[in-house]
Amino acid sequence: MSLVDNREMAREALFFGELPYQPMPEEADIGIAGLLRVYTPKRGRNGGDLNDALSRVPDQVIKILVAQQVVATQCDNGDAVFSFIDMDTPTARAVIGVTAYCMQAWEKAMHRSDGPSLLNPTQDIKTKTDINERLGHLLGAQSLVIETATAAAETLSVWCKNPNKPSDNELKNLSKVLSNWGPRFLTEWMNGSILDGWLKVQKLDEEEIAHWREIFTDSLKKHFAVKNINDPFNALSRVKEHLETTLRDESIAERLGWSV
């Protein structure tokens, strides 16, 4: 089975259960991203072994993506999932950085859940173009890294104002949301599809719905997703309640001792 044939399995392993929106799914109903978001302790010591493993991740990611680039540019066997035009561009470096961040976060999640390492430190990453050495015949860690890089490339333009020159802060926040949810959630969160579904069950009239869509800008969407990573809509519900109670004219007047 080639990497292309293995894509669906790899993406399911990483992002299964990201949609429909469910903040507390059962552990059996989620992939590694959901495991990180819901079931991984946010605090705790890594320990020397995990720190060593995490420090190796960026180099391992680069080796795997370089090997993928070889397949994409030098082989004609249909095993290339995607390729960079040039690996030494801001966009390529951004994708590599986001991929490494995600793999480190998931490696930590697996470690704290007593699961197996996603990236075997002794694994030999092959880069030859001989038919028996092609990356298309290697699965496991390579598939996960390449699928993560694909997800990063898909969402870079969705999250960053200028994907050709993304800021460090944009990449950090993109990495956090992608590693905790997945590319479908991130895309539908930013394009408003998830918000529209939420608004439909809030019993709002059309004018109120239009108002929410207007005030819920891209900046606010990013803020809620990053600052409330486990359950962004819980935070949004609190804001809605605050607007409907504390910030109503009557409530403000009552606090100030005014009459309305």
Protein backbone atom coordinates (compact mmCIF):
# COMPACT_ATOMS: atom_id res chain seq x y z
CA MET A 1 0.00 0.00 0.00
CA SER A 2 1.42 3.40 -1.00
CA LEU A 3 1.29 6.63 0.97
CA VAL A 4 -1.48 7.84 -1.31
CA ASP A 5 -3.53 4.71 -0.64
CA ASN A 6 -2.81 5.08 3.07
CA ARG A 7 -3.96 8.71 3.33
CA GLU A 8 -7.48 8.04 4.59
CA MET A 9 -6.19 5.74 7.32
CA ALA A 10 -3.49 8.23 8.36
CA ARG A 11 -5.89 11.17 8.51
CA GLU A 12 -8.38 9.13 10.51
CA ALA A 13 -5.67 8.15 12.98
CA LEU A 14 -4.84 11.81 13.49
CA PHE A 15 -8.13 13.67 13.24
CA PHE A 16 -10.98 11.19 13.65
CA GLY A 17 -13.89 12.77 15.52
CA GLU A 18 -12.97 16.41 14.89
CA LEU A 19 -16.48 17.02 13.50
CA PRO A 20 -19.32 17.24 14.26
CA TYR A 21 -18.41 19.59 17.08
CA GLN A 22 -18.24 17.71 20.36
CA PRO A 23 -16.07 19.04 23.21
CA MET A 24 -16.02 15.84 25.29
CA PRO A 25 -16.16 12.79 23.01
CA GLU A 26 -15.50 9.26 24.18
CA GLU A 27 -11.87 8.23 23.88
CA ALA A 28 -12.82 5.50 21.41
CA ASP A 29 -14.37 8.11 19.10
CA ILE A 30 -11.33 10.32 18.54
CA GLY A 31 -7.95 10.31 16.87
CA ILE A 32 -4.64 11.52 18.26
CA ALA A 33 -5.64 15.20 18.06
CA GLY A 34 -8.71 14.53 20.18
CA LEU A 35 -6.59 12.55 22.62
CA LEU A 36 -4.36 15.60 23.03
CA ARG A 37 -7.29 17.98 23.47
CA VAL A 38 -9.52 15.98 25.80
CA TYR A 39 -7.54 13.32 27.61
CA THR A 40 -3.97 14.62 27.91
CA PRO A 41 -3.04 16.45 31.14
CA LYS A 42 -2.08 20.01 30.30
CA ARG A 43 0.63 20.06 32.94
CA GLY A 44 3.24 17.60 33.99
CA ARG A 45 6.93 16.89 33.73
CA ASN A 46 8.15 15.41 30.50
CA GLY A 47 11.15 13.58 31.85
CA GLY A 48 14.49 13.09 30.15
CA ASP A 49 13.41 10.39 27.71
CA LEU A 50 10.45 12.38 26.41
CA ASN A 51 12.48 15.58 26.17
CA ASP A 52 15.09 13.73 24.13
CA ALA A 53 12.38 12.34 21.86
CA LEU A 54 10.78 15.76 21.42
CA SER A 55 14.12 17.37 20.57
CA ARG A 56 14.59 14.90 17.71
CA VAL A 57 11.18 15.51 16.15
CA PRO A 58 12.04 18.56 13.98
CA ASP A 59 14.96 16.77 12.31
CA GLN A 60 12.87 13.64 11.78
CA VAL A 61 10.08 15.69 10.22
CA ILE A 62 12.53 17.39 7.87
CA LYS A 63 14.05 14.05 6.82
CA ILE A 64 10.64 12.58 6.05
CA LEU A 65 9.51 15.63 4.07
CA VAL A 66 12.80 15.77 2.16
CA ALA A 67 12.27 12.12 1.25
CA GLN A 68 8.73 12.94 0.16
CA GLN A 69 10.11 15.76 -1.98
CA VAL A 70 12.44 13.29 -3.67
CA VAL A 71 9.51 11.03 -4.50
CA ALA A 72 7.52 13.99 -5.81
CA THR A 73 10.26 15.36 -8.03
CA GLN A 74 12.22 12.30 -9.15
CA CYS A 75 9.80 9.38 -9.16
CA ASP A 76 6.81 8.63 -11.33
CA ASN A 77 4.99 6.01 -9.30
CA GLY A 78 2.03 8.03 -8.01
CA ASP A 79 3.26 7.85 -4.42
CA ALA A 80 3.69 11.58 -3.88
CA VAL A 81 0.98 13.04 -1.66
CA PHE A 82 2.15 16.60 -2.20
CA SER A 83 5.35 18.52 -2.84
CA PHE A 84 6.83 21.94 -2.27
CA ILE A 85 7.79 24.09 -5.23
CA ASP A 86 10.86 25.00 -3.20
CA MET A 87 11.60 23.78 0.31
CA ASP A 88 13.52 26.96 1.09
CA THR A 89 10.57 29.36 1.03
CA PRO A 90 8.66 30.98 3.92
CA THR A 91 5.61 28.87 3.08
CA ALA A 92 7.55 25.59 3.08
CA ARG A 93 9.34 26.51 6.29
CA ALA A 94 5.98 27.38 7.86
CA VAL A 95 4.48 24.01 6.90
CA ILE A 96 7.53 22.20 8.27
CA GLY A 97 7.37 24.20 11.51
CA VAL A 98 3.64 23.56 12.02
CA THR A 99 4.14 19.87 11.28
CA ALA A 100 6.95 19.59 13.81
CA TYR A 101 4.87 21.38 16.46
CA CYS A 102 1.94 19.02 15.92
CA MET A 103 4.11 15.92 16.01
CA GLN A 104 5.75 17.08 19.25
CA ALA A 105 2.36 17.77 20.84
CA TRP A 106 1.05 14.36 19.79
CA GLU A 107 4.22 12.61 20.92
CA LYS A 108 3.67 14.17 24.34
CA ALA A 109 0.02 13.09 24.33
CA MET A 110 0.96 9.51 23.50
CA HIS A 111 3.64 9.48 26.20
CA ARG A 112 1.30 10.80 28.90
CA SER A 113 -1.34 8.27 27.84
CA ASP A 114 1.17 5.41 28.03
CA GLY A 115 0.89 4.94 24.28
CA PRO A 116 3.62 4.06 21.76
CA SER A 117 5.93 6.66 20.28
CA LEU A 118 4.77 8.02 16.93
CA LEU A 119 8.31 8.60 15.70
CA ASN A 120 10.74 5.81 16.40
CA PRO A 121 14.12 7.48 17.07
CA THR A 122 15.98 4.54 15.49
CA GLN A 123 13.86 4.58 12.35
CA ASP A 124 15.79 4.78 9.10
CA ILE A 125 14.29 7.37 6.78
CA LYS A 126 15.05 6.22 3.26
CA THR A 127 15.51 8.73 0.48
CA LYS A 128 16.74 6.65 -2.45
CA THR A 129 14.75 6.57 -5.66
CA ASP A 130 15.25 2.86 -6.29
CA ILE A 131 11.85 1.17 -6.62
CA ASN A 132 12.41 -0.87 -3.45
CA GLU A 133 13.47 2.18 -1.44
CA ARG A 134 10.77 4.61 -2.44
CA LEU A 135 8.95 6.45 0.30
CA GLY A 136 5.66 5.20 -1.11
CA HIS A 137 6.39 1.79 0.38
CA LEU A 138 7.02 3.12 3.88
CA LEU A 139 4.05 3.62 6.16
CA GLY A 140 3.62 4.41 9.85
CA ALA A 141 5.46 7.52 11.00
CA GLN A 142 6.05 8.74 7.46
CA SER A 143 2.34 8.64 6.69
CA LEU A 144 1.47 10.58 9.85
CA VAL A 145 4.09 13.26 9.20
CA ILE A 146 3.16 13.70 5.55
CA GLU A 147 -0.56 13.81 6.30
CA THR A 148 0.11 16.40 9.00
CA ALA A 149 2.14 18.47 6.56
CA THR A 150 -0.71 18.21 4.07
CA ALA A 151 -3.15 19.46 6.71
CA ALA A 152 -0.79 22.31 7.57
CA ALA A 153 -0.52 23.30 3.91
CA GLU A 154 -4.32 23.16 3.53
CA THR A 155 -4.97 25.46 6.49
CA LEU A 156 -2.11 27.94 6.17
CA SER A 157 -4.10 30.24 3.88
CA VAL A 158 -7.23 29.78 6.01
CA TRP A 159 -5.56 30.99 9.20
CA CYS A 160 -2.81 33.38 8.12
CA LYS A 161 -3.47 36.79 6.60
CA ASN A 162 -0.50 36.36 4.27
CA PRO A 163 0.39 32.66 3.95
CA ASN A 164 3.51 33.61 2.00
CA LYS A 165 4.80 35.55 5.02
CA PRO A 166 3.07 34.17 8.10
CA SER A 167 3.99 35.64 11.46
CA ASP A 168 5.45 33.53 14.25
CA ASN A 169 2.35 34.16 16.36
CA GLU A 170 0.04 33.06 13.54
CA LEU A 171 1.99 29.83 13.11
CA LYS A 172 2.02 29.14 16.85
CA ASN A 173 -1.75 29.56 17.09
CA LEU A 174 -2.42 27.62 13.88
CA SER A 175 -0.32 24.77 15.24
CA LYS A 176 -2.25 24.74 18.51
CA VAL A 177 -5.67 24.56 16.87
CA LEU A 178 -4.59 22.07 14.21
CA SER A 179 -2.95 19.72 16.73
CA ASN A 180 -5.97 19.81 19.08
CA TRP A 181 -8.76 19.58 16.49
CA GLY A 182 -7.82 19.10 12.84
CA PRO A 183 -8.01 20.75 9.40
CA ARG A 184 -11.76 20.31 8.86
CA PHE A 185 -12.63 21.89 12.19
CA LEU A 186 -10.18 24.73 11.61
CA THR A 187 -11.50 25.43 8.11
CA GLU A 188 -15.19 25.30 9.06
CA TRP A 189 -14.56 27.32 12.22
CA MET A 190 -12.92 30.09 10.20
CA ASN A 191 -15.40 30.09 7.30
CA GLY A 192 -18.34 30.36 9.70
CA SER A 193 -19.99 26.99 9.02
CA ILE A 194 -19.69 25.86 12.63
CA LEU A 195 -20.90 29.24 13.89
CA ASP A 196 -23.94 29.06 11.61
CA GLY A 197 -24.82 25.66 13.02
CA TRP A 198 -24.51 27.02 16.55
CA LEU A 199 -26.64 30.07 15.77
CA LYS A 200 -29.46 27.93 14.41
CA VAL A 201 -30.04 26.34 17.81
CA GLN A 202 -29.88 29.62 19.76
CA LYS A 203 -33.45 30.64 18.85
CA LEU A 204 -32.34 33.98 17.43
CA ASP A 205 -34.20 35.97 14.84
CA GLU A 206 -32.63 36.82 11.48
CA GLU A 207 -31.51 40.26 12.61
CA GLU A 208 -29.75 38.83 15.66
CA ILE A 209 -28.09 36.13 13.58
CA ALA A 210 -26.85 38.74 11.12
CA HIS A 211 -25.49 40.78 14.02
CA TRP A 212 -23.59 37.80 15.43
CA ARG A 213 -22.07 37.06 12.03
CA GLU A 214 -20.98 40.67 11.75
CA ILE A 215 -19.30 40.90 15.15
CA PHE A 216 -17.76 37.43 15.07
CA THR A 217 -14.80 38.51 12.94
CA ASP A 218 -11.86 36.35 11.91
CA SER A 219 -9.86 37.85 14.78
CA LEU A 220 -12.53 36.85 17.30
CA LYS A 221 -12.83 33.37 15.81
CA LYS A 222 -9.10 32.89 16.25
CA HIS A 223 -9.20 34.30 19.77
CA PHE A 224 -11.96 31.95 20.92
CA ALA A 225 -10.36 28.91 19.28
CA VAL A 226 -6.90 29.53 20.74
CA LYS A 227 -7.84 30.74 24.21
CA ASN A 228 -10.58 28.14 24.76
CA ILE A 229 -9.09 25.21 22.90
CA ASN A 230 -11.15 22.48 24.60
CA ASP A 231 -14.56 24.05 24.01
CA PRO A 232 -14.61 27.36 22.09
CA PHE A 233 -18.40 27.46 22.01
CA ASN A 234 -18.63 27.29 25.78
CA ALA A 235 -16.74 30.58 25.89
CA LEU A 236 -18.94 31.97 23.14
CA SER A 237 -22.05 30.99 25.10
CA ARG A 238 -20.71 32.85 28.12
CA VAL A 239 -20.21 35.95 25.98
CA LYS A 240 -23.74 35.62 24.62
CA GLU A 241 -25.15 35.35 28.13
CA HIS A 242 -23.06 38.32 29.24
CA LEU A 243 -24.37 40.42 26.37
CA GLU A 244 -27.95 39.43 27.13
CA THR A 245 -27.74 40.09 30.87
CA THR A 246 -24.90 42.13 32.33
CA LEU A 247 -24.53 44.42 29.33
CA ARG A 248 -28.22 45.05 28.72
CA ASP A 249 -29.30 48.66 29.11
CA GLU A 250 -31.40 47.77 32.15
CA SER A 251 -28.50 46.02 33.88
CA ILE A 252 -26.09 48.87 33.21
CA ALA A 253 -28.63 51.40 34.45
CA GLU A 254 -29.25 49.36 37.58
CA ARG A 255 -25.55 49.26 38.38
CA LEU A 256 -25.21 53.00 37.83
CA GLY A 257 -28.39 53.85 39.69
CA TRP A 258 -30.04 55.28 36.60
CA SER A 259 -33.67 54.93 35.60
CA VAL A 260 -34.63 53.70 32.16
